[in-house]
Amino acid sequence: MRYAITLCYDGSEFHGFQRQKDYISVQSETERALQTKLQRPIVLHASGRTDAGVHALAQVAHFDCDVEIDCDGFGYAINTLLPRSIAITDCRRVPDTFHARFDAKRKTYVYRIYASKIHSPLHCKYFHVCFYDLDVETMQRACAYFVGEHDFRSFMLSGAAVRSTVRTIYDLHIDVKDGGRQLDIVVTGNGFLHNMVRAIAGTLIDVGRGRFALEDVPQIIAACDRRRAGKTLEGCGLYLYGVEYDGMRFEAHADLSDPLHA
């Protein structure tokens, strides 16, 4: 029997999602708790491998188990065995052919920026703290250039091995909060290259501060050259916000939909 769980976690305490030999990870901690509860080996397969410091409000992972699980309340039982920085917010039975990674049709990420002229210790684990004055209206206009099917090689980790660098962005916009001090870059696509969202966010900041002109953006995309785009921002501002499948949608629990609104 196959089950899918939705995970919420504070990535600042982990060396990414994927299990690693010498570092603590979200996968290893969650598998340990599941194995303790179910008394059998459990292997998680996630929708994607978030990097060190990256957070999730709705990471999806599936596992197989040879005993039937009562999904109602299962998360509460497992959460008592997990560190406080990880929580299971949903559990459901899925078809045995379901795969959290390969069946994903759309993912939504949010990159959070906090505008502050001084170092902000209470924000630095959960936002990119930006010291520059930003032209948010021009950043919003620049978002439109990314929408559609493009080769996003300019925004990929250099040297990363991937079959294709073409991806489709369905929506990219910026939510402005707290009187303009908080900017949430919200992007939905059919998949993302390694560091792609963080590099797009860095490029949008460069547009906002005037380092790039608005008309530079389509040229940066077309160049397929990582050196042309903005820098890759820190993982601390990135959140996996939701994953969609045919007939199924996994998203943040209603009580956790915006825990860091300012």
Protein backbone atom coordinates (compact mmCIF):
# COMPACT_ATOMS: atom_id res chain seq x y z
CA MET A 1 0.00 0.00 0.00
CA ARG A 2 1.25 3.45 -0.88
CA TYR A 3 0.75 6.59 1.18
CA ALA A 4 1.53 10.24 0.51
CA ILE A 5 2.34 12.69 3.27
CA THR A 6 2.63 16.47 3.26
CA LEU A 7 5.56 17.83 5.24
CA CYS A 8 6.12 21.30 6.67
CA TYR A 9 9.62 22.06 7.88
CA ASP A 10 12.03 24.76 8.94
CA GLY A 11 14.99 24.08 6.69
CA SER A 12 17.42 26.22 8.69
CA GLU A 13 18.09 23.25 10.96
CA PHE A 14 18.86 20.73 8.21
CA HIS A 15 21.38 20.07 5.48
CA GLY A 16 18.59 19.82 2.93
CA PHE A 17 15.83 17.26 2.48
CA GLN A 18 17.83 14.33 1.11
CA ARG A 19 19.32 11.74 3.43
CA GLN A 20 23.09 12.20 3.82
CA LYS A 21 25.72 10.13 5.56
CA ASP A 22 27.29 12.76 7.79
CA TYR A 23 24.58 15.42 8.08
CA ILE A 24 21.12 15.69 9.58
CA SER A 25 18.37 15.93 6.95
CA VAL A 26 14.60 16.15 6.78
CA GLN A 27 14.39 12.75 5.10
CA SER A 28 16.47 10.94 7.70
CA GLU A 29 14.55 12.44 10.63
CA THR A 30 11.16 11.70 9.08
CA GLU A 31 12.08 8.14 8.09
CA ARG A 32 13.33 7.51 11.62
CA ALA A 33 10.03 8.65 13.12
CA LEU A 34 7.96 6.61 10.64
CA GLN A 35 10.03 3.51 11.28
CA THR A 36 9.66 3.94 15.04
CA LYS A 37 5.89 4.20 14.75
CA LEU A 38 5.34 1.53 12.08
CA GLN A 39 8.06 -0.87 13.25
CA ARG A 40 9.35 -1.59 9.74
CA PRO A 41 11.81 -0.04 7.25
CA ILE A 42 10.41 3.04 5.49
CA VAL A 43 11.90 4.87 2.51
CA LEU A 44 10.55 8.28 1.50
CA HIS A 45 10.43 9.53 -2.09
CA ALA A 46 9.91 13.30 -2.21
CA SER A 47 8.59 15.64 -4.89
CA GLY A 48 12.01 17.31 -4.90
CA ARG A 49 15.21 17.67 -2.92
CA THR A 50 15.23 21.04 -1.20
CA ASP A 51 18.71 22.40 -0.48
CA ALA A 52 20.26 23.27 2.87
CA GLY A 53 18.34 26.07 4.57
CA VAL A 54 15.33 25.86 2.23
CA HIS A 55 11.92 25.57 3.91
CA ALA A 56 8.68 23.83 2.96
CA LEU A 57 5.04 24.43 3.75
CA ALA A 58 3.94 21.55 1.53
CA GLN A 59 6.64 19.07 0.59
CA VAL A 60 5.07 15.87 -0.74
CA ALA A 61 6.62 12.45 -0.19
CA HIS A 62 5.34 8.92 -0.63
CA PHE A 63 6.25 5.62 1.02
CA ASP A 64 5.10 2.02 0.87
CA CYS A 65 3.87 0.08 3.87
CA ASP A 66 2.56 -3.49 4.14
CA VAL A 67 0.06 -2.61 6.88
CA GLU A 68 -2.98 -0.39 6.57
CA ILE A 69 -2.63 3.06 8.09
CA ASP A 70 -5.46 5.09 9.56
CA CYS A 71 -4.66 8.39 7.86
CA ASP A 72 -6.87 10.40 10.22
CA GLY A 73 -4.64 11.48 13.02
CA PHE A 74 -1.57 9.70 11.61
CA GLY A 75 0.34 12.97 11.33
CA TYR A 76 -0.35 13.84 14.96
CA ALA A 77 1.04 10.49 16.07
CA ILE A 78 4.21 10.86 14.01
CA ASN A 79 4.73 14.50 14.95
CA THR A 80 5.33 13.52 18.58
CA LEU A 81 8.38 11.58 17.34
CA LEU A 82 9.72 14.32 15.07
CA PRO A 83 11.84 17.34 15.96
CA ARG A 84 9.77 20.48 16.38
CA SER A 85 11.15 21.81 13.08
CA ILE A 86 9.27 19.12 11.07
CA ALA A 87 5.56 18.31 10.96
CA ILE A 88 3.35 16.02 8.91
CA THR A 89 0.24 18.04 8.05
CA ASP A 90 -1.57 15.50 5.85
CA CYS A 91 -1.57 11.78 5.09
CA ARG A 92 -3.58 10.03 2.40
CA ARG A 93 -3.74 6.69 0.63
CA VAL A 94 -2.71 6.99 -3.03
CA PRO A 95 -2.63 4.54 -5.96
CA ASP A 96 0.32 2.15 -5.95
CA THR A 97 1.47 3.74 -9.22
CA PHE A 98 1.68 7.24 -7.70
CA HIS A 99 5.15 8.80 -7.53
CA ALA A 100 5.70 12.03 -5.61
CA ARG A 101 8.49 13.21 -7.90
CA PHE A 102 7.76 11.86 -11.35
CA ASP A 103 3.99 12.48 -11.31
CA ALA A 104 4.20 16.11 -10.17
CA LYS A 105 2.62 18.46 -12.74
CA ARG A 106 3.08 21.84 -11.09
CA LYS A 107 5.06 23.19 -8.17
CA THR A 108 4.78 26.55 -6.48
CA TYR A 109 7.68 28.18 -4.69
CA VAL A 110 7.82 31.45 -2.79
CA TYR A 111 11.01 33.46 -2.35
CA ARG A 112 10.73 35.96 0.49
CA ILE A 113 12.58 39.26 0.66
CA TYR A 114 12.61 41.65 3.59
CA ALA A 115 13.70 45.23 2.91
CA SER A 116 15.74 46.66 5.75
CA LYS A 117 18.55 49.20 5.93
CA ILE A 118 20.08 47.41 8.91
CA HIS A 119 20.86 43.78 9.65
CA SER A 120 17.68 42.11 10.88
CA PRO A 121 18.53 39.13 13.14
CA LEU A 122 14.87 38.07 13.46
CA HIS A 123 14.45 37.82 9.67
CA CYS A 124 17.77 36.47 8.42
CA LYS A 125 16.84 32.77 8.81
CA TYR A 126 13.58 33.11 6.88
CA PHE A 127 14.10 35.95 4.38
CA HIS A 128 16.72 37.41 2.10
CA VAL A 129 17.33 40.73 3.83
CA CYS A 130 17.78 43.39 1.14
CA PHE A 131 19.52 46.67 1.92
CA TYR A 132 18.79 48.31 -1.44
CA ASP A 133 15.90 50.57 -2.40
CA LEU A 134 13.84 48.55 -4.91
CA ASP A 135 11.57 49.65 -7.73
CA VAL A 136 8.90 47.03 -7.12
CA GLU A 137 6.71 48.14 -10.04
CA THR A 138 9.55 47.49 -12.50
CA MET A 139 10.24 44.13 -10.83
CA GLN A 140 6.57 43.22 -11.33
CA ARG A 141 6.80 44.11 -15.01
CA ALA A 142 9.97 42.02 -15.37
CA CYS A 143 8.11 38.96 -14.02
CA ALA A 144 6.11 38.73 -17.26
CA TYR A 145 9.24 37.91 -19.29
CA PHE A 146 9.74 34.65 -17.40
CA VAL A 147 6.22 33.32 -18.00
CA GLY A 148 5.95 30.65 -20.70
CA GLU A 149 8.27 27.95 -22.01
CA HIS A 150 11.93 28.99 -22.05
CA ASP A 151 15.42 27.57 -21.82
CA PHE A 152 16.34 28.62 -18.28
CA ARG A 153 20.03 27.74 -18.49
CA SER A 154 20.94 31.27 -17.40
CA PHE A 155 19.39 30.50 -14.01
CA MET A 156 20.78 27.02 -13.37
CA LEU A 157 23.61 25.96 -11.09
CA SER A 158 26.68 25.88 -13.33
CA GLY A 159 27.77 22.35 -14.19
CA ALA A 160 24.57 20.68 -13.02
CA ALA A 161 23.72 17.54 -14.99
CA VAL A 162 20.22 17.64 -16.46
CA ARG A 163 18.64 16.24 -19.61
CA SER A 164 16.90 19.46 -20.59
CA THR A 165 17.05 23.03 -19.34
CA VAL A 166 13.66 23.93 -20.84
CA ARG A 167 10.91 24.58 -18.32
CA THR A 168 7.47 26.21 -18.36
CA ILE A 169 6.53 28.95 -15.91
CA TYR A 170 2.76 29.33 -15.58
CA ASP A 171 2.75 32.29 -13.21
CA LEU A 172 5.29 34.63 -11.64
CA HIS A 173 4.29 37.63 -9.56
CA ILE A 174 5.27 39.55 -6.45
CA ASP A 175 3.01 39.92 -3.42
CA VAL A 176 3.77 43.11 -1.50
CA LYS A 177 3.18 43.08 2.27
CA ASP A 178 3.92 45.10 5.37
CA GLY A 179 3.80 48.43 3.58
CA GLY A 180 6.33 47.32 0.99
CA ARG A 181 8.95 45.92 3.36
CA GLN A 182 8.13 42.29 2.56
CA LEU A 183 8.16 41.02 -1.03
CA ASP A 184 7.03 37.47 -1.79
CA ILE A 185 8.11 36.29 -5.25
CA VAL A 186 5.58 33.58 -6.12
CA VAL A 187 6.37 31.25 -9.02
CA THR A 188 4.48 28.24 -10.38
CA GLY A 189 5.98 25.97 -13.02
CA ASN A 190 6.10 22.43 -14.34
CA GLY A 191 9.56 21.97 -12.83
CA PHE A 192 12.63 23.89 -11.75
CA LEU A 193 16.35 23.59 -12.37
CA HIS A 194 18.80 23.53 -9.47
CA ASN A 195 18.92 27.06 -7.96
CA MET A 196 16.54 28.37 -10.64
CA VAL A 197 14.09 30.17 -8.34
CA ARG A 198 16.88 31.67 -6.25
CA ALA A 199 18.65 32.94 -9.39
CA ILE A 200 15.44 34.42 -10.77
CA ALA A 201 14.90 36.18 -7.43
CA GLY A 202 18.45 37.56 -7.56
CA THR A 203 17.86 38.81 -11.10
CA LEU A 204 14.60 40.52 -10.11
CA ILE A 205 16.40 42.27 -7.26
CA ASP A 206 19.00 43.50 -9.74
CA VAL A 207 16.16 44.88 -11.87
CA GLY A 208 14.65 46.55 -8.82
CA ARG A 209 17.90 48.23 -7.79
CA GLY A 210 18.66 49.37 -11.36
CA ARG A 211 21.61 47.09 -12.09
CA PHE A 212 19.61 45.57 -14.96
CA ALA A 213 17.19 47.51 -17.14
CA LEU A 214 13.78 46.03 -17.80
CA GLU A 215 14.67 45.36 -21.43
CA ASP A 216 17.75 43.38 -20.33
CA VAL A 217 15.63 40.55 -18.93
CA PRO A 218 14.59 38.81 -22.19
CA GLN A 219 18.21 39.06 -23.37
CA ILE A 220 19.44 37.43 -20.14
CA ILE A 221 16.97 34.57 -20.62
CA ALA A 222 17.91 34.11 -24.29
CA ALA A 223 21.66 34.15 -23.54
CA CYS A 224 21.53 30.73 -21.79
CA ASP A 225 24.60 31.89 -19.88
CA ARG A 226 24.66 31.75 -16.07
CA ARG A 227 27.11 34.67 -15.99
CA ARG A 228 24.50 37.02 -17.45
CA ALA A 229 21.86 36.68 -14.72
CA GLY A 230 21.79 37.92 -11.15
CA LYS A 231 23.37 36.07 -8.27
CA THR A 232 21.83 33.05 -6.59
CA LEU A 233 20.25 34.24 -3.34
CA GLU A 234 20.51 32.33 -0.08
CA GLY A 235 18.33 29.29 0.56
CA CYS A 236 16.83 30.83 3.69
CA GLY A 237 14.25 32.85 1.71
CA LEU A 238 12.93 29.92 -0.34
CA TYR A 239 9.79 27.94 0.45
CA LEU A 240 8.21 25.00 -1.34
CA TYR A 241 4.59 26.12 -1.17
CA GLY A 242 2.55 23.49 -3.00
CA VAL A 243 2.62 20.56 -5.42
CA GLU A 244 -0.08 19.55 -7.91
CA TYR A 245 -0.78 16.19 -9.54
CA ASP A 246 -3.50 14.94 -11.86
CA GLY A 247 -6.60 15.07 -9.70
CA MET A 248 -4.68 15.90 -6.50
CA ARG A 249 -3.33 19.04 -4.92
CA PHE A 250 -1.08 19.25 -1.87
CA GLU A 251 -0.71 22.64 -0.26
CA ALA A 252 -0.02 24.32 3.05
CA HIS A 253 -2.38 23.47 5.87
CA ALA A 254 -4.90 26.26 6.47
CA ASP A 255 -3.37 27.06 9.85
CA LEU A 256 0.08 27.34 8.28
CA SER A 257 -0.79 29.14 5.06
CA ASP A 258 1.27 32.22 5.87
CA PRO A 259 3.12 31.79 9.16
CA LEU A 260 5.69 34.47 8.38
CA HIS A 261 3.46 37.28 7.20
CA ALA A 262 4.70 40.58 8.50
